[in-house]
């Protein structure tokens, strides 16, 4: 028997945790490409823009949905 605390963590906490991981991964990739561009002289300076955060939110949503949908496929009928 699965308790309510277990369901809450399974369907809410774990997907949010994975969503934050996706957000950090996307943000790290964006910042590292900006850093490389600045290092090789393609750009003079590098700043964090609003679009970078919006693209990172795509990472949050993607990882969140993947983890959430895995919970539904792993349920036994």
N, C-alpha and C. Protein backbone atom coordinates (compact mmCIF):
# COMPACT_ATOMS: atom_id res chain seq x y z
N UNK A 1 0.85 -1.18 0.00
CA UNK A 1 0.00 0.00 0.00
C UNK A 1 0.89 1.24 0.00
N UNK A 2 0.59 2.16 -0.83
CA UNK A 2 1.37 3.37 -0.98
C UNK A 2 0.68 4.50 -0.23
N UNK A 3 1.44 5.17 0.64
CA UNK A 3 0.87 6.25 1.45
C UNK A 3 0.83 7.56 0.70
N UNK A 4 0.12 8.55 1.27
CA UNK A 4 0.01 9.85 0.61
C UNK A 4 1.34 10.59 0.54
N UNK A 5 2.21 10.42 1.56
CA UNK A 5 3.52 11.08 1.53
C UNK A 5 4.37 10.52 0.39
N UNK A 6 4.28 9.23 0.19
CA UNK A 6 5.02 8.59 -0.89
C UNK A 6 4.52 9.07 -2.26
N UNK A 7 3.21 9.19 -2.42
CA UNK A 7 2.66 9.67 -3.69
C UNK A 7 3.03 11.13 -3.93
N UNK A 8 3.02 11.92 -2.87
CA UNK A 8 3.40 13.33 -3.01
C UNK A 8 4.83 13.46 -3.48
N UNK A 9 5.73 12.70 -2.89
CA UNK A 9 7.13 12.80 -3.30
C UNK A 9 7.34 12.21 -4.69
N UNK A 10 6.58 11.17 -5.01
CA UNK A 10 6.73 10.52 -6.32
C UNK A 10 6.22 11.39 -7.46
N UNK A 11 5.08 12.04 -7.23
CA UNK A 11 4.46 12.80 -8.31
C UNK A 11 4.72 14.30 -8.25
N UNK A 12 5.33 14.79 -7.18
CA UNK A 12 5.56 16.23 -7.08
C UNK A 12 7.03 16.56 -6.81
N UNK A 13 7.58 16.01 -5.73
CA UNK A 13 8.94 16.39 -5.34
C UNK A 13 10.01 15.89 -6.31
N UNK A 14 9.94 14.62 -6.69
CA UNK A 14 10.95 14.09 -7.60
C UNK A 14 10.92 14.76 -8.98
N UNK A 15 9.76 14.97 -9.58
CA UNK A 15 9.75 15.69 -10.85
C UNK A 15 10.27 17.13 -10.74
N UNK A 16 9.96 17.81 -9.63
CA UNK A 16 10.48 19.18 -9.46
C UNK A 16 11.99 19.16 -9.30
N UNK A 17 12.50 18.19 -8.56
CA UNK A 17 13.95 18.06 -8.40
C UNK A 17 14.64 17.82 -9.74
N UNK A 18 14.08 16.95 -10.54
CA UNK A 18 14.64 16.70 -11.87
C UNK A 18 14.47 17.91 -12.79
N UNK A 19 13.38 18.65 -12.60
CA UNK A 19 13.19 19.87 -13.38
C UNK A 19 14.27 20.90 -13.08
N UNK A 20 14.61 21.07 -11.80
CA UNK A 20 15.69 21.99 -11.45
C UNK A 20 17.02 21.52 -12.03
N UNK A 21 17.23 20.21 -12.05
CA UNK A 21 18.43 19.67 -12.67
C UNK A 21 18.48 20.03 -14.16
N UNK A 22 17.35 19.89 -14.84
CA UNK A 22 17.29 20.27 -16.26
C UNK A 22 17.53 21.75 -16.46
N UNK A 23 16.98 22.57 -15.57
CA UNK A 23 17.20 24.02 -15.63
C UNK A 23 18.68 24.34 -15.51
N UNK A 24 19.34 23.73 -14.54
CA UNK A 24 20.77 23.99 -14.31
C UNK A 24 21.60 23.49 -15.48
N UNK A 25 21.27 22.35 -16.03
CA UNK A 25 22.02 21.82 -17.17
C UNK A 25 21.90 22.74 -18.37
N UNK A 26 20.69 23.16 -18.71
CA UNK A 26 20.50 24.06 -19.84
C UNK A 26 21.21 25.39 -19.62
N UNK A 27 21.11 25.93 -18.41
CA UNK A 27 21.76 27.20 -18.10
C UNK A 27 23.28 27.06 -18.17
N UNK A 28 23.82 25.94 -17.70
CA UNK A 28 25.26 25.72 -17.75
C UNK A 28 25.76 25.63 -19.19
N UNK A 29 24.99 24.96 -20.04
CA UNK A 29 25.37 24.86 -21.45
C UNK A 29 25.35 26.24 -22.11
N UNK A 30 24.32 27.01 -21.84
CA UNK A 30 24.23 28.35 -22.43
C UNK A 30 25.37 29.25 -21.95
N UNK A 31 25.65 29.22 -20.66
CA UNK A 31 26.72 30.06 -20.14
C UNK A 31 28.09 29.61 -20.62
N UNK A 32 28.30 28.31 -20.74
CA UNK A 32 29.59 27.84 -21.24
C UNK A 32 29.81 28.20 -22.71
N UNK A 33 28.75 28.17 -23.52
CA UNK A 33 28.92 28.58 -24.91
C UNK A 33 29.20 30.07 -25.01
N UNK A 34 28.58 30.86 -24.14
CA UNK A 34 28.89 32.30 -24.12
C UNK A 34 30.32 32.54 -23.67
N UNK A 35 30.77 31.76 -22.70
CA UNK A 35 32.15 31.90 -22.22
C UNK A 35 33.15 31.52 -23.30
N UNK A 36 32.89 30.44 -24.03
CA UNK A 36 33.78 30.05 -25.12
C UNK A 36 33.79 31.10 -26.23
N UNK A 37 32.64 31.66 -26.54
CA UNK A 37 32.57 32.70 -27.56
C UNK A 37 33.38 33.92 -27.14
N UNK A 38 33.31 34.26 -25.86
CA UNK A 38 34.07 35.39 -25.37
C UNK A 38 35.57 35.07 -25.34
N UNK A 39 35.92 33.84 -25.00
CA UNK A 39 37.33 33.43 -24.94
C UNK A 39 37.98 33.45 -26.31
N UNK A 40 37.27 33.01 -27.33
CA UNK A 40 37.84 32.95 -28.67
C UNK A 40 37.68 34.26 -29.43
N UNK A 41 37.15 35.27 -28.80
CA UNK A 41 37.07 36.59 -29.41
C UNK A 41 35.89 36.83 -30.32
N UNK A 42 34.93 35.95 -30.31
CA UNK A 42 33.75 36.14 -31.14
C UNK A 42 32.92 37.29 -30.60
N UNK A 43 32.82 37.37 -29.27
CA UNK A 43 32.12 38.46 -28.60
C UNK A 43 33.07 39.16 -27.64
N UNK A 44 32.89 40.45 -27.46
CA UNK A 44 33.75 41.21 -26.55
C UNK A 44 33.39 40.95 -25.09
N UNK A 45 32.10 40.79 -24.80
CA UNK A 45 31.64 40.58 -23.44
C UNK A 45 30.48 39.59 -23.45
N UNK A 46 30.15 39.09 -22.28
CA UNK A 46 29.07 38.13 -22.17
C UNK A 46 28.19 38.50 -20.99
N UNK A 47 26.88 38.55 -21.24
CA UNK A 47 25.94 38.85 -20.17
C UNK A 47 24.83 37.80 -20.17
N UNK A 48 24.24 37.61 -19.02
CA UNK A 48 23.10 36.72 -18.89
C UNK A 48 21.84 37.50 -19.26
N UNK A 49 21.15 37.04 -20.29
CA UNK A 49 19.97 37.73 -20.78
C UNK A 49 18.70 36.98 -20.37
N UNK A 50 17.58 37.64 -20.53
CA UNK A 50 16.29 37.04 -20.20
C UNK A 50 16.01 35.81 -21.06
N UNK A 51 16.44 35.85 -22.29
CA UNK A 51 16.23 34.71 -23.19
C UNK A 51 16.97 33.47 -22.71
N UNK A 52 18.12 33.66 -22.07
CA UNK A 52 18.85 32.52 -21.53
C UNK A 52 18.05 31.83 -20.43
N UNK A 53 17.42 32.62 -19.60
CA UNK A 53 16.59 32.04 -18.53
C UNK A 53 15.34 31.37 -19.10
N UNK A 54 14.77 31.96 -20.13
CA UNK A 54 13.59 31.34 -20.76
C UNK A 54 13.95 30.02 -21.42
N UNK A 55 15.10 29.94 -22.04
CA UNK A 55 15.54 28.68 -22.63
C UNK A 55 15.82 27.64 -21.55
N UNK A 56 16.32 28.09 -20.43
CA UNK A 56 16.57 27.16 -19.32
C UNK A 56 15.27 26.64 -18.74
N UNK A 57 14.22 27.44 -18.79
CA UNK A 57 12.91 26.97 -18.32
C UNK A 57 12.41 25.83 -19.21
N UNK A 58 12.79 25.85 -20.48
CA UNK A 58 12.46 24.72 -21.36
C UNK A 58 13.10 23.45 -20.82
N UNK A 59 14.33 23.56 -20.32
CA UNK A 59 14.99 22.42 -19.71
C UNK A 59 14.25 21.94 -18.48
N UNK A 60 13.76 22.89 -17.66
CA UNK A 60 13.00 22.52 -16.47
C UNK A 60 11.75 21.75 -16.86
N UNK A 61 11.00 22.28 -17.81
CA UNK A 61 9.74 21.65 -18.23
C UNK A 61 10.00 20.28 -18.84
N UNK A 62 11.04 20.17 -19.64
CA UNK A 62 11.35 18.90 -20.29
C UNK A 62 11.68 17.81 -19.27
N UNK A 63 12.61 18.12 -18.36
CA UNK A 63 13.00 17.12 -17.37
C UNK A 63 11.86 16.81 -16.40
N UNK A 64 11.07 17.83 -16.05
CA UNK A 64 9.91 17.63 -15.17
C UNK A 64 8.92 16.67 -15.80
N UNK A 65 8.59 16.91 -17.07
CA UNK A 65 7.61 16.06 -17.75
C UNK A 65 8.11 14.64 -17.94
N UNK A 66 9.40 14.50 -18.24
CA UNK A 66 9.95 13.16 -18.42
C UNK A 66 9.81 12.36 -17.13
N UNK A 67 10.20 12.98 -16.01
CA UNK A 67 10.11 12.28 -14.72
C UNK A 67 8.65 12.01 -14.33
N UNK A 68 7.78 12.95 -14.57
CA UNK A 68 6.38 12.78 -14.22
C UNK A 68 5.74 11.66 -15.05
N UNK A 69 6.01 11.63 -16.33
CA UNK A 69 5.44 10.60 -17.20
C UNK A 69 6.02 9.23 -16.92
N UNK A 70 7.29 9.18 -16.46
CA UNK A 70 7.86 7.89 -16.07
C UNK A 70 7.10 7.30 -14.89
N UNK A 71 6.61 8.14 -14.00
CA UNK A 71 5.83 7.66 -12.86
C UNK A 71 4.54 7.00 -13.31
N UNK A 72 3.92 7.52 -14.35
CA UNK A 72 2.67 6.93 -14.84
C UNK A 72 2.91 5.64 -15.60
N UNK A 73 4.03 5.51 -16.28
CA UNK A 73 4.31 4.28 -17.01
C UNK A 73 4.77 3.17 -16.08
N UNK A 74 5.31 3.52 -14.91
CA UNK A 74 5.80 2.50 -13.97
C UNK A 74 4.72 1.99 -13.04
N UNK A 75 3.52 2.55 -13.10
CA UNK A 75 2.44 2.09 -12.23
C UNK A 75 1.92 0.74 -12.70
N UNK A 76 1.58 -0.10 -11.75
CA UNK A 76 1.00 -1.41 -12.07
C UNK A 76 -0.52 -1.29 -12.10
N UNK A 77 -1.13 -1.97 -13.02
CA UNK A 77 -2.60 -1.93 -13.14
C UNK A 77 -3.27 -2.80 -12.11
